[in-house]
Every structure is written in C-alpha cells, then in structure tokens.
Amino acid sequence: MRCRIGILSNEPEFTALARTVAEEHGLEPVCEEAILGRAQAVARRWEAEGRVEAILARGAGASRLSVGLPVITVEVSGYEVAEAVHAARAHGSRIALVDHEAEPRSYLPERIGEMLGVELRLYLFRNEFGLRRQVLRAIRQGAQVLVTAAGSGIRLAQQLGLPAVPVTATRPAVEAAVRRVIDAVSRARRAEAESRLARAVLA
C-alpha cells in the first residue's frame, strides 16, 4: 500500500526505527519528535493540511491524541522497561523510572526491580514542567541513573549530570504497529469510497 503516514516520536532511536519499518512496508513517513501538547499540535496540523492518512505515535500523550485520523500507538512494554533497567544497572542500583501518568502501563515497576535486584522507583509526570520537577526530585532522592521513554527526559537528566538510559521500542512492536496502521488506512479508504458512492446515488 502506498500512503503517507505521520510518525510522532518520543526519541531519535524510535524515529529511525519507525521510519525504516514504514518504508519497508511501502509507506511514506513524515516524522516529528514531539510529546504531550506539542504532539497534539503537530497531529492537528497534519490533519488540517491533509499531509497524512494516519498517525503512528509513541511517547507521553500518544494515547490521548485527539484528531479525526486513525492513531496507532506503540506502547511501552514491560520487556522494554526491563531491558533499559538492566542496562542502567551499570550506573548504579538506585534507579529512577520516569513515565507519563496517563500512559497505560503493562508492567509492575516493583516486580522489575525485584527481578533485577535494584531499587526501582517510579516518578510520574503530567507535562514538561512536571517532567523537569520529577527528574530533579529523583536526583534529590539519591537516584544514580534515570530510565525513561521520554527523549526530553533523557536530555534533561544528562544536562543535570545524571546518567540516563532510554526505553527503546523493539522492532517486532513497531512492525506490528505499522501493520495496524495499514489496516486502519485500508478501512478508512473503504469507508470513504462507500460514502462517496452513497452520496452519488442520492445526488
């Protein structure tokens, strides 16, 4: 299928992976890195301009995008968090996990901490200001390393001198999401064709 899709990304690694997978499936990706309110603004701009037929999104606020286009999210999985926490152990055993409060979580941080033998504390944020506040709070409370799926959180932690490890999406998860995008676009095109036919019959 040839179609243009928007990719709203939370960090550069996801941008690169999602772009590659989309192109392998014959899609034309338009990519921007944005979370929270900025992601909503980008999605609405794409819709208003007619630039894309669907959106593939990951990051804070992805599950709450409100547009008339199909939106497929790539949620953070427990496996991805565990992989990041495992890598973070190289920097210390007191690990801060920073996540958006509204995003669905299919994992239990305390369970991951127990399995990997680390002190894993969850810090939730609502907006960019809250993200900064939670990173600073983690530092004050003795975190030795930060783990998050938010690219801006990674950059902030590093600016403040705290090691940070990104929660990165797996290729199978992105491939599954791209297939859902293709299905969503196919359904939307069929619905539009049926609507045009109905209008023509009634005209």
N, C-alpha and C. Protein backbone atom coordinates (compact mmCIF):
# COMPACT_ATOMS: atom_id res chain seq x y z
N MET A 1 0.84 -1.20 0.00
CA MET A 1 0.00 0.00 0.00
C MET A 1 0.87 1.25 0.00
N ARG A 2 0.52 2.21 -0.86
CA ARG A 2 1.22 3.48 -0.87
C ARG A 2 0.38 4.50 -0.14
N CYS A 3 0.91 5.04 0.93
CA CYS A 3 0.22 6.12 1.63
C CYS A 3 1.23 6.85 2.50
N ARG A 4 0.89 8.06 2.86
CA ARG A 4 1.77 8.86 3.71
C ARG A 4 1.24 8.83 5.13
N ILE A 5 2.11 8.48 6.07
CA ILE A 5 1.71 8.43 7.47
C ILE A 5 2.58 9.37 8.29
N GLY A 6 2.03 9.85 9.38
CA GLY A 6 2.79 10.68 10.29
C GLY A 6 3.36 9.82 11.41
N ILE A 7 4.60 10.06 11.76
CA ILE A 7 5.22 9.36 12.88
C ILE A 7 5.56 10.40 13.95
N LEU A 8 4.86 10.32 15.07
CA LEU A 8 5.14 11.18 16.21
C LEU A 8 6.00 10.39 17.17
N SER A 9 7.22 10.85 17.35
CA SER A 9 8.21 10.07 18.08
C SER A 9 8.60 10.74 19.40
N ASN A 10 9.01 9.90 20.34
CA ASN A 10 9.47 10.40 21.63
C ASN A 10 10.98 10.51 21.72
N GLU A 11 11.70 9.90 20.80
CA GLU A 11 13.17 9.96 20.84
C GLU A 11 13.75 9.51 19.50
N PRO A 12 15.01 9.91 19.20
CA PRO A 12 15.59 9.66 17.88
C PRO A 12 15.64 8.20 17.46
N GLU A 13 15.92 7.29 18.42
CA GLU A 13 16.01 5.88 18.06
C GLU A 13 14.69 5.35 17.52
N PHE A 14 13.59 5.78 18.16
CA PHE A 14 12.28 5.33 17.66
C PHE A 14 12.00 5.94 16.30
N THR A 15 12.36 7.19 16.11
CA THR A 15 12.16 7.84 14.81
C THR A 15 12.83 7.03 13.70
N ALA A 16 14.09 6.67 13.92
CA ALA A 16 14.84 5.94 12.90
C ALA A 16 14.23 4.57 12.63
N LEU A 17 13.88 3.85 13.71
CA LEU A 17 13.32 2.51 13.54
C LEU A 17 11.95 2.57 12.86
N ALA A 18 11.09 3.46 13.31
CA ALA A 18 9.75 3.56 12.73
C ALA A 18 9.82 3.97 11.27
N ARG A 19 10.71 4.89 10.95
CA ARG A 19 10.86 5.31 9.55
C ARG A 19 11.29 4.13 8.68
N THR A 20 12.27 3.37 9.16
CA THR A 20 12.77 2.23 8.40
C THR A 20 11.67 1.19 8.16
N VAL A 21 10.96 0.83 9.22
CA VAL A 21 9.91 -0.18 9.10
C VAL A 21 8.79 0.31 8.18
N ALA A 22 8.41 1.57 8.32
CA ALA A 22 7.35 2.11 7.47
C ALA A 22 7.75 2.06 6.00
N GLU A 23 8.98 2.45 5.71
CA GLU A 23 9.44 2.43 4.32
C GLU A 23 9.53 1.01 3.77
N GLU A 24 9.89 0.06 4.63
CA GLU A 24 9.94 -1.34 4.20
C GLU A 24 8.56 -1.86 3.81
N HIS A 25 7.52 -1.25 4.38
CA HIS A 25 6.15 -1.65 4.06
C HIS A 25 5.54 -0.77 2.96
N GLY A 26 6.38 0.03 2.30
CA GLY A 26 5.90 0.83 1.18
C GLY A 26 5.21 2.12 1.58
N LEU A 27 5.33 2.52 2.83
CA LEU A 27 4.70 3.75 3.30
C LEU A 27 5.65 4.93 3.17
N GLU A 28 5.08 6.13 3.13
CA GLU A 28 5.87 7.35 3.08
C GLU A 28 5.75 8.06 4.43
N PRO A 29 6.76 7.95 5.29
CA PRO A 29 6.65 8.54 6.62
C PRO A 29 7.02 10.02 6.67
N VAL A 30 6.25 10.76 7.45
CA VAL A 30 6.57 12.14 7.79
C VAL A 30 6.82 12.14 9.29
N CYS A 31 8.03 12.47 9.71
CA CYS A 31 8.42 12.28 11.11
C CYS A 31 8.64 13.59 11.86
N GLU A 32 8.18 13.62 13.10
CA GLU A 32 8.50 14.72 14.02
C GLU A 32 8.62 14.14 15.41
N GLU A 33 9.56 14.70 16.18
CA GLU A 33 9.72 14.29 17.57
C GLU A 33 8.98 15.29 18.45
N ALA A 34 7.93 14.81 19.11
CA ALA A 34 7.11 15.68 19.95
C ALA A 34 6.30 14.83 20.91
N ILE A 35 6.12 15.33 22.13
CA ILE A 35 5.28 14.66 23.12
C ILE A 35 4.32 15.68 23.72
N LEU A 36 3.34 15.17 24.46
CA LEU A 36 2.40 16.00 25.20
C LEU A 36 1.70 17.01 24.29
N GLY A 37 1.59 18.26 24.71
CA GLY A 37 0.84 19.25 23.96
C GLY A 37 1.39 19.52 22.58
N ARG A 38 2.69 19.46 22.45
CA ARG A 38 3.28 19.70 21.13
C ARG A 38 2.91 18.58 20.16
N ALA A 39 2.84 17.35 20.66
CA ALA A 39 2.43 16.24 19.80
C ALA A 39 1.00 16.45 19.30
N GLN A 40 0.13 16.92 20.18
CA GLN A 40 -1.25 17.20 19.78
C GLN A 40 -1.29 18.28 18.71
N ALA A 41 -0.48 19.32 18.88
CA ALA A 41 -0.45 20.41 17.91
C ALA A 41 0.04 19.92 16.55
N VAL A 42 1.06 19.08 16.55
CA VAL A 42 1.59 18.55 15.29
C VAL A 42 0.54 17.68 14.61
N ALA A 43 -0.12 16.82 15.39
CA ALA A 43 -1.14 15.94 14.81
C ALA A 43 -2.27 16.74 14.18
N ARG A 44 -2.71 17.80 14.85
CA ARG A 44 -3.79 18.62 14.30
C ARG A 44 -3.33 19.37 13.05
N ARG A 45 -2.08 19.80 13.04
CA ARG A 45 -1.57 20.48 11.85
C ARG A 45 -1.53 19.53 10.66
N TRP A 46 -1.04 18.32 10.90
CA TRP A 46 -1.01 17.33 9.82
C TRP A 46 -2.42 17.08 9.28
N GLU A 47 -3.38 16.95 10.19
CA GLU A 47 -4.75 16.69 9.76
C GLU A 47 -5.30 17.86 8.96
N ALA A 48 -5.08 19.08 9.44
CA ALA A 48 -5.61 20.27 8.76
C ALA A 48 -4.99 20.43 7.37
N GLU A 49 -3.72 20.08 7.24
CA GLU A 49 -3.03 20.23 5.97
C GLU A 49 -3.26 19.04 5.03
N GLY A 50 -3.88 17.97 5.55
CA GLY A 50 -4.09 16.78 4.74
C GLY A 50 -2.79 16.09 4.37
N ARG A 51 -1.79 16.20 5.23
CA ARG A 51 -0.46 15.67 4.90
C ARG A 51 -0.36 14.17 5.05
N VAL A 52 -1.15 13.60 5.98
CA VAL A 52 -1.03 12.16 6.26
C VAL A 52 -2.41 11.53 6.36
N GLU A 53 -2.44 10.20 6.20
CA GLU A 53 -3.71 9.46 6.31
C GLU A 53 -3.87 8.80 7.67
N ALA A 54 -2.78 8.66 8.40
CA ALA A 54 -2.84 8.04 9.72
C ALA A 54 -1.59 8.45 10.49
N ILE A 55 -1.63 8.21 11.80
CA ILE A 55 -0.50 8.60 12.65
C ILE A 55 -0.05 7.41 13.49
N LEU A 56 1.25 7.20 13.52
CA LEU A 56 1.88 6.22 14.39
C LEU A 56 2.59 7.00 15.48
N ALA A 57 2.25 6.73 16.74
CA ALA A 57 2.77 7.58 17.82
C ALA A 57 3.32 6.77 18.98
N ARG A 58 4.33 7.33 19.61
CA ARG A 58 4.89 6.74 20.83
C ARG A 58 5.38 7.90 21.70
N GLY A 59 5.17 7.75 22.99
CA GLY A 59 5.64 8.77 23.91
C GLY A 59 4.51 9.36 24.74
N ALA A 60 4.88 10.23 25.66
CA ALA A 60 3.91 10.83 26.57
C ALA A 60 2.81 11.54 25.79
N GLY A 61 1.57 11.19 26.07
CA GLY A 61 0.43 11.80 25.41
C GLY A 61 -0.01 11.11 24.14
N ALA A 62 0.73 10.10 23.69
CA ALA A 62 0.38 9.43 22.43
C ALA A 62 -1.01 8.81 22.48
N SER A 63 -1.35 8.21 23.61
CA SER A 63 -2.64 7.53 23.72
C SER A 63 -3.81 8.50 23.84
N ARG A 64 -3.51 9.80 23.99
CA ARG A 64 -4.58 10.79 24.19
C ARG A 64 -4.70 11.77 23.03
N LEU A 65 -4.07 11.46 21.91
CA LEU A 65 -4.17 12.34 20.75
C LEU A 65 -5.62 12.39 20.27
N SER A 66 -6.10 13.58 20.00
CA SER A 66 -7.49 13.76 19.59
C SER A 66 -7.54 14.40 18.21
N VAL A 67 -7.64 13.56 17.19
CA VAL A 67 -7.75 14.01 15.80
C VAL A 67 -8.70 13.08 15.07
N GLY A 68 -9.09 13.49 13.87
CA GLY A 68 -10.01 12.67 13.08
C GLY A 68 -9.32 11.59 12.28
N LEU A 69 -8.02 11.48 12.39
CA LEU A 69 -7.26 10.46 11.67
C LEU A 69 -7.09 9.22 12.52
N PRO A 70 -6.88 8.06 11.91
CA PRO A 70 -6.53 6.87 12.69
C PRO A 70 -5.21 7.10 13.42
N VAL A 71 -5.18 6.78 14.71
CA VAL A 71 -3.95 6.92 15.50
C VAL A 71 -3.61 5.56 16.10
N ILE A 72 -2.43 5.07 15.78
CA ILE A 72 -1.95 3.80 16.30
C ILE A 72 -0.77 4.10 17.23
N THR A 73 -0.83 3.60 18.45
CA THR A 73 0.24 3.86 19.40
C THR A 73 1.14 2.64 19.58
N VAL A 74 2.39 2.92 19.88
CA VAL A 74 3.35 1.87 20.24
C VAL A 74 3.63 2.05 21.72
N GLU A 75 2.94 1.28 22.54
CA GLU A 75 3.04 1.46 23.98
C GLU A 75 4.34 0.87 24.52
N VAL A 76 4.76 1.41 25.66
CA VAL A 76 5.95 0.91 26.34
C VAL A 76 5.60 -0.42 27.01
N SER A 77 6.39 -1.44 26.75
CA SER A 77 6.13 -2.76 27.31
C SER A 77 7.02 -3.04 28.51
N GLY A 78 6.62 -4.01 29.30
CA GLY A 78 7.43 -4.41 30.44
C GLY A 78 8.79 -4.92 30.02
N TYR A 79 8.82 -5.62 28.89
CA TYR A 79 10.10 -6.13 28.39
C TYR A 79 11.06 -4.98 28.08
N GLU A 80 10.54 -3.94 27.43
CA GLU A 80 11.38 -2.80 27.08
C GLU A 80 11.91 -2.10 28.33
N VAL A 81 11.04 -1.95 29.33
CA VAL A 81 11.47 -1.32 30.58
C VAL A 81 12.54 -2.17 31.26
N ALA A 82 12.31 -3.48 31.30
CA ALA A 82 13.28 -4.38 31.94
C ALA A 82 14.63 -4.32 31.23
N GLU A 83 14.62 -4.25 29.91
CA GLU A 83 15.87 -4.15 29.15
C GLU A 83 16.61 -2.87 29.52
N ALA A 84 15.88 -1.76 29.62
CA ALA A 84 16.51 -0.49 29.95
C ALA A 84 17.04 -0.50 31.39
N VAL A 85 16.27 -1.06 32.31
CA VAL A 85 16.71 -1.13 33.71
C VAL A 85 17.95 -2.02 33.82
N HIS A 86 17.95 -3.10 33.07
CA HIS A 86 19.12 -3.99 33.07
C HIS A 86 20.37 -3.23 32.62
N ALA A 87 20.23 -2.43 31.58
CA ALA A 87 21.36 -1.64 31.09
C ALA A 87 21.75 -0.56 32.10
N ALA A 88 20.75 -0.02 32.79
CA ALA A 88 21.01 1.07 33.74
C ALA A 88 21.80 0.59 34.96
N ARG A 89 21.76 -0.70 35.24
CA ARG A 89 22.48 -1.22 36.41
C ARG A 89 23.98 -0.94 36.34
N ALA A 90 24.48 -0.69 35.15
CA ALA A 90 25.91 -0.38 35.02
C ALA A 90 26.27 0.93 35.70
N HIS A 91 25.25 1.77 35.96
CA HIS A 91 25.49 3.08 36.58
C HIS A 91 25.14 3.09 38.06
N GLY A 92 24.51 2.04 38.56
CA GLY A 92 24.14 2.00 39.97
C GLY A 92 22.85 1.23 40.19
N SER A 93 22.55 0.96 41.45
CA SER A 93 21.37 0.15 41.77
C SER A 93 20.16 0.99 42.18
N ARG A 94 20.34 2.29 42.38
CA ARG A 94 19.20 3.16 42.70
C ARG A 94 18.76 3.83 41.40
N ILE A 95 17.65 3.34 40.86
CA ILE A 95 17.23 3.73 39.52
C ILE A 95 15.87 4.42 39.56
N ALA A 96 15.78 5.56 38.88
CA ALA A 96 14.52 6.30 38.76
C ALA A 96 13.88 5.97 37.42
N LEU A 97 12.64 5.51 37.46
CA LEU A 97 11.87 5.25 36.24
C LEU A 97 10.85 6.37 36.09
N VAL A 98 10.99 7.17 35.05
CA VAL A 98 10.13 8.34 34.85
C VAL A 98 9.16 8.06 33.70
N ASP A 99 7.86 8.21 33.98
CA ASP A 99 6.84 7.88 32.99
C ASP A 99 5.70 8.88 33.07
N HIS A 100 4.95 9.01 31.98
CA HIS A 100 3.79 9.91 31.97
C HIS A 100 2.64 9.26 32.74
N GLU A 101 1.95 10.04 33.54
CA GLU A 101 0.93 9.48 34.43
C GLU A 101 -0.26 8.88 33.69
N ALA A 102 -0.55 9.36 32.49
CA ALA A 102 -1.74 8.89 31.78
C ALA A 102 -1.48 7.73 30.84
N GLU A 103 -0.21 7.39 30.62
CA GLU A 103 0.08 6.31 29.68
C GLU A 103 -0.20 4.95 30.32
N PRO A 104 -0.78 4.02 29.56
CA PRO A 104 -1.05 2.69 30.10
C PRO A 104 0.25 1.96 30.43
N ARG A 105 0.27 1.27 31.56
CA ARG A 105 1.46 0.52 31.96
C ARG A 105 1.10 -0.95 32.10
N SER A 106 1.76 -1.78 31.31
CA SER A 106 1.51 -3.22 31.35
C SER A 106 2.56 -3.92 32.21
N TYR A 107 3.24 -3.16 33.04
CA TYR A 107 4.31 -3.72 33.86
C TYR A 107 4.20 -3.21 35.29
N LEU A 108 4.83 -3.92 36.21
CA LEU A 108 4.89 -3.51 37.61
C LEU A 108 6.33 -3.14 37.93
N PRO A 109 6.62 -1.86 38.16
CA PRO A 109 8.00 -1.44 38.43
C PRO A 109 8.64 -2.20 39.58
N GLU A 110 7.85 -2.42 40.65
CA GLU A 110 8.43 -3.11 41.80
C GLU A 110 8.85 -4.54 41.45
N ARG A 111 8.07 -5.18 40.56
CA ARG A 111 8.41 -6.54 40.15
C ARG A 111 9.70 -6.55 39.33
N ILE A 112 9.83 -5.57 38.43
CA ILE A 112 11.05 -5.49 37.62
C ILE A 112 12.25 -5.23 38.53
N GLY A 113 12.07 -4.36 39.51
CA GLY A 113 13.16 -4.08 40.44
C GLY A 113 13.58 -5.31 41.21
N GLU A 114 12.61 -6.09 41.66
CA GLU A 114 12.91 -7.32 42.39
C GLU A 114 13.66 -8.32 41.52
N MET A 115 13.20 -8.48 40.29
CA MET A 115 13.82 -9.46 39.39
C MET A 115 15.27 -9.10 39.08
N LEU A 116 15.54 -7.80 38.96
CA LEU A 116 16.88 -7.37 38.56
C LEU A 116 17.74 -6.96 39.74
N GLY A 117 17.20 -7.05 40.94
CA GLY A 117 17.98 -6.75 42.13
C GLY A 117 18.38 -5.30 42.27
N VAL A 118 17.45 -4.39 41.93
CA VAL A 118 17.74 -2.96 42.04
C VAL A 118 16.60 -2.26 42.79
N GLU A 119 16.88 -1.05 43.24
CA GLU A 119 15.85 -0.21 43.85
C GLU A 119 15.28 0.67 42.75
N LEU A 120 14.11 0.28 42.26
CA LEU A 120 13.49 0.98 41.13
C LEU A 120 12.30 1.79 41.63
N ARG A 121 12.39 3.11 41.50
CA ARG A 121 11.31 3.99 41.96
C ARG A 121 10.65 4.66 40.77
N LEU A 122 9.31 4.68 40.80
CA LEU A 122 8.53 5.25 39.70
C LEU A 122 8.20 6.72 39.98
N TYR A 123 8.48 7.58 39.01
CA TYR A 123 8.17 9.00 39.09
C TYR A 123 7.26 9.35 37.92
N LEU A 124 6.08 9.89 38.22
CA LEU A 124 5.10 10.18 37.18
C LEU A 124 5.01 11.68 36.92
N PHE A 125 4.88 12.05 35.65
CA PHE A 125 4.74 13.46 35.29
C PHE A 125 3.52 13.66 34.40
N ARG A 126 3.02 14.90 34.38
CA ARG A 126 1.84 15.23 33.59
C ARG A 126 2.19 16.11 32.40
N ASN A 127 3.19 16.98 32.55
CA ASN A 127 3.57 17.91 31.49
C ASN A 127 5.07 18.14 31.54
N GLU A 128 5.56 19.01 30.66
CA GLU A 128 7.01 19.24 30.59
C GLU A 128 7.55 19.80 31.90
N PHE A 129 6.79 20.70 32.53
CA PHE A 129 7.22 21.23 33.82
C PHE A 129 7.30 20.11 34.86
N GLY A 130 6.29 19.24 34.85
CA GLY A 130 6.30 18.12 35.78
C GLY A 130 7.43 17.15 35.51
N LEU A 131 7.79 16.99 34.25
CA LEU A 131 8.91 16.11 33.91
C LEU A 131 10.20 16.63 34.54
N ARG A 132 10.43 17.92 34.40
CA ARG A 132 11.64 18.51 34.99
C ARG A 132 11.62 18.37 36.52
N ARG A 133 10.45 18.61 37.09
CA ARG A 133 10.33 18.52 38.55
C ARG A 133 10.61 17.11 39.05
N GLN A 134 10.13 16.11 38.31
CA GLN A 134 10.34 14.73 38.75
C GLN A 134 11.79 14.29 38.57
N VAL A 135 12.44 14.77 37.53
CA VAL A 135 13.86 14.45 37.36
C VAL A 135 14.67 15.05 38.50
N LEU A 136 14.38 16.30 38.84
CA LEU A 136 15.07 16.94 39.96
C LEU A 136 14.77 16.23 41.28
N ARG A 137 13.53 15.79 41.43
CA ARG A 137 13.16 15.06 42.65
C ARG A 137 13.93 13.75 42.75
N ALA A 138 14.05 13.05 41.63
CA ALA A 138 14.79 11.79 41.62
C ALA A 138 16.24 12.01 42.03
N ILE A 139 16.83 13.10 41.54
CA ILE A 139 18.22 13.41 41.89
C ILE A 139 18.33 13.69 43.39
N ARG A 140 17.39 14.49 43.91
CA ARG A 140 17.42 14.81 45.35
C ARG A 140 17.27 13.56 46.20
N GLN A 141 16.51 12.59 45.71
CA GLN A 141 16.26 11.38 46.49
C GLN A 141 17.32 10.30 46.26
N GLY A 142 18.39 10.67 45.59
CA GLY A 142 19.54 9.78 45.50
C GLY A 142 19.61 8.84 44.32
N ALA A 143 18.81 9.09 43.29
CA ALA A 143 18.87 8.23 42.10
C ALA A 143 20.26 8.30 41.48
N GLN A 144 20.77 7.16 41.08
CA GLN A 144 22.08 7.10 40.43
C GLN A 144 21.99 7.08 38.91
N VAL A 145 20.81 6.76 38.41
CA VAL A 145 20.59 6.70 36.97
C VAL A 145 19.10 6.80 36.70
N LEU A 146 18.75 7.37 35.56
CA LEU A 146 17.35 7.56 35.20
C LEU A 146 17.00 6.72 33.97
N VAL A 147 15.80 6.15 33.99
CA VAL A 147 15.29 5.38 32.86
C VAL A 147 13.96 6.00 32.44
N THR A 148 13.80 6.29 31.16
CA THR A 148 12.55 6.86 30.67
C THR A 148 12.42 6.67 29.17
N ALA A 149 11.17 6.70 28.69
CA ALA A 149 10.92 6.64 27.25
C ALA A 149 10.86 8.03 26.65
N ALA A 150 10.91 9.07 27.49
CA ALA A 150 10.82 10.45 27.01
C ALA A 150 12.20 10.97 26.63
N GLY A 151 12.38 11.27 25.36
CA GLY A 151 13.68 11.77 24.91
C GLY A 151 14.07 13.05 25.62
N SER A 152 13.08 13.92 25.89
CA SER A 152 13.39 15.18 26.58
C SER A 152 13.84 14.90 28.02
N GLY A 153 13.33 13.83 28.61
CA GLY A 153 13.76 13.45 29.95
C GLY A 153 15.20 12.96 29.96
N ILE A 154 15.56 12.22 28.92
CA ILE A 154 16.95 11.75 28.79
C ILE A 154 17.89 12.94 28.68
N ARG A 155 17.54 13.89 27.81
CA ARG A 155 18.41 15.06 27.61
C ARG A 155 18.51 15.89 28.88
N LEU A 156 17.40 16.07 29.58
CA LEU A 156 17.40 16.85 30.81
C LEU A 156 18.28 16.20 31.87
N ALA A 157 18.13 14.90 32.06
CA ALA A 157 18.94 14.20 33.06
C ALA A 157 20.42 14.35 32.75
N GLN A 158 20.77 14.19 31.50
CA GLN A 158 22.18 14.30 31.11
C GLN A 158 22.71 15.71 31.33
N GLN A 159 21.87 16.71 31.07
CA GLN A 159 22.28 18.10 31.31
C GLN A 159 22.54 18.35 32.80
N LEU A 160 21.80 17.63 33.64
CA LEU A 160 21.93 17.79 35.09
C LEU A 160 22.99 16.86 35.68
N GLY A 161 23.67 16.12 34.83
CA GLY A 161 24.75 15.25 35.29
C GLY A 161 24.32 13.88 35.75
N LEU A 162 23.08 13.49 35.47
CA LEU A 162 22.59 12.17 35.87
C LEU A 162 22.60 11.23 34.67
N PRO A 163 23.26 10.09 34.76
CA PRO A 163 23.23 9.13 33.65
C PRO A 163 21.79 8.75 33.32
N ALA A 164 21.51 8.52 32.05
CA ALA A 164 20.14 8.20 31.65
C ALA A 164 20.16 7.14 30.56
N VAL A 165 19.19 6.23 30.65
CA VAL A 165 19.06 5.14 29.68
C VAL A 165 17.66 5.20 29.07
N PRO A 166 17.55 5.26 27.75
CA PRO A 166 16.22 5.33 27.13
C PRO A 166 15.52 3.97 27.09
N VAL A 167 14.21 4.01 27.21
CA VAL A 167 13.39 2.82 26.99
C VAL A 167 13.07 2.81 25.50
N THR A 168 13.66 1.89 24.77
CA THR A 168 13.52 1.89 23.32
C THR A 168 12.54 0.81 22.86
N ALA A 169 11.84 1.10 21.79
CA ALA A 169 10.87 0.16 21.24
C ALA A 169 11.58 -0.98 20.52
N THR A 170 10.99 -2.16 20.56
CA THR A 170 11.54 -3.30 19.83
C THR A 170 11.04 -3.28 18.40
N ARG A 171 11.80 -3.87 17.52
CA ARG A 171 11.39 -3.92 16.11
C ARG A 171 10.07 -4.68 15.93
N PRO A 172 9.87 -5.84 16.58
CA PRO A 172 8.58 -6.52 16.42
C PRO A 172 7.39 -5.66 16.82
N ALA A 173 7.55 -4.85 17.88
CA ALA A 173 6.45 -3.99 18.31
C ALA A 173 6.14 -2.94 17.26
N VAL A 174 7.18 -2.38 16.66
CA VAL A 174 6.97 -1.36 15.63
C VAL A 174 6.37 -1.99 14.37
N GLU A 175 6.84 -3.17 14.00
CA GLU A 175 6.29 -3.84 12.82
C GLU A 175 4.81 -4.14 13.01
N ALA A 176 4.44 -4.60 14.20
CA ALA A 176 3.03 -4.89 14.47
C ALA A 176 2.20 -3.61 14.39
N ALA A 177 2.75 -2.51 14.90
CA ALA A 177 2.03 -1.24 14.86
C ALA A 177 1.86 -0.75 13.43
N VAL A 178 2.89 -0.90 12.62
CA VAL A 178 2.81 -0.47 11.21
C VAL A 178 1.75 -1.28 10.47
N ARG A 179 1.66 -2.57 10.78
CA ARG A 179 0.61 -3.38 10.15
C ARG A 179 -0.77 -2.89 10.57
N ARG A 180 -0.90 -2.45 11.82
CA ARG A 180 -2.19 -1.90 12.27
C ARG A 180 -2.49 -0.59 11.56
N VAL A 181 -1.46 0.20 11.29
CA VAL A 181 -1.64 1.44 10.54
C VAL A 181 -2.19 1.14 9.15
N ILE A 182 -1.58 0.16 8.49
CA ILE A 182 -2.02 -0.21 7.14
C ILE A 182 -3.47 -0.66 7.15
N ASP A 183 -3.84 -1.48 8.14
CA ASP A 183 -5.23 -1.93 8.26
C ASP A 183 -6.17 -0.75 8.48
N ALA A 184 -5.75 0.19 9.33
CA ALA A 184 -6.60 1.35 9.63
C ALA A 184 -6.80 2.22 8.40
N VAL A 185 -5.74 2.42 7.63
CA VAL A 185 -5.86 3.22 6.41
C VAL A 185 -6.75 2.52 5.39
N SER A 186 -6.61 1.21 5.28
CA SER A 186 -7.45 0.46 4.34
C SER A 186 -8.92 0.60 4.71
N ARG A 187 -9.23 0.48 6.00
CA ARG A 187 -10.62 0.62 6.44
C ARG A 187 -11.13 2.04 6.18
N ALA A 188 -10.30 3.03 6.45
CA ALA A 188 -10.71 4.42 6.23
C ALA A 188 -10.96 4.69 4.75
N ARG A 189 -10.12 4.13 3.89
CA ARG A 189 -10.32 4.33 2.45
C ARG A 189 -11.60 3.66 1.97
N ARG A 190 -11.87 2.46 2.48
CA ARG A 190 -13.11 1.77 2.09
C ARG A 190 -14.33 2.56 2.55
N ALA A 191 -14.26 3.06 3.77
CA ALA A 191 -15.39 3.83 4.30
C ALA A 191 -15.62 5.09 3.47
N GLU A 192 -14.54 5.75 3.07
CA GLU A 192 -14.67 6.96 2.26
C GLU A 192 -15.24 6.64 0.88
N ALA A 193 -14.80 5.52 0.29
CA ALA A 193 -15.32 5.13 -1.02
C ALA A 193 -16.81 4.82 -0.94
N GLU A 194 -17.22 4.13 0.12
CA GLU A 194 -18.63 3.81 0.29
C GLU A 194 -19.45 5.07 0.51
N SER A 195 -18.87 6.03 1.23
CA SER A 195 -19.58 7.29 1.48
C SER A 195 -19.75 8.08 0.19
N ARG A 196 -18.71 8.11 -0.65
CA ARG A 196 -18.82 8.81 -1.93
C ARG A 196 -19.86 8.16 -2.83
N LEU A 197 -19.89 6.82 -2.81
CA LEU A 197 -20.87 6.10 -3.63
C LEU A 197 -22.29 6.42 -3.16
N ALA A 198 -22.47 6.43 -1.85
CA ALA A 198 -23.80 6.72 -1.31
C ALA A 198 -24.24 8.14 -1.68
N ARG A 199 -23.31 9.09 -1.61
CA ARG A 199 -23.66 10.47 -1.96
C ARG A 199 -24.00 10.58 -3.44
N ALA A 200 -23.28 9.81 -4.27
CA ALA A 200 -23.54 9.85 -5.71
C ALA A 200 -24.92 9.28 -6.03
N VAL A 201 -25.29 8.21 -5.33
CA VAL A 201 -26.59 7.59 -5.55
C VAL A 201 -27.72 8.53 -5.15
N LEU A 202 -27.50 9.25 -4.06
CA LEU A 202 -28.54 10.14 -3.54
C LEU A 202 -28.59 11.49 -4.26
N ALA A 203 -27.55 11.80 -5.03
CA ALA A 203 -27.50 13.11 -5.69
C ALA A 203 -28.55 13.22 -6.80
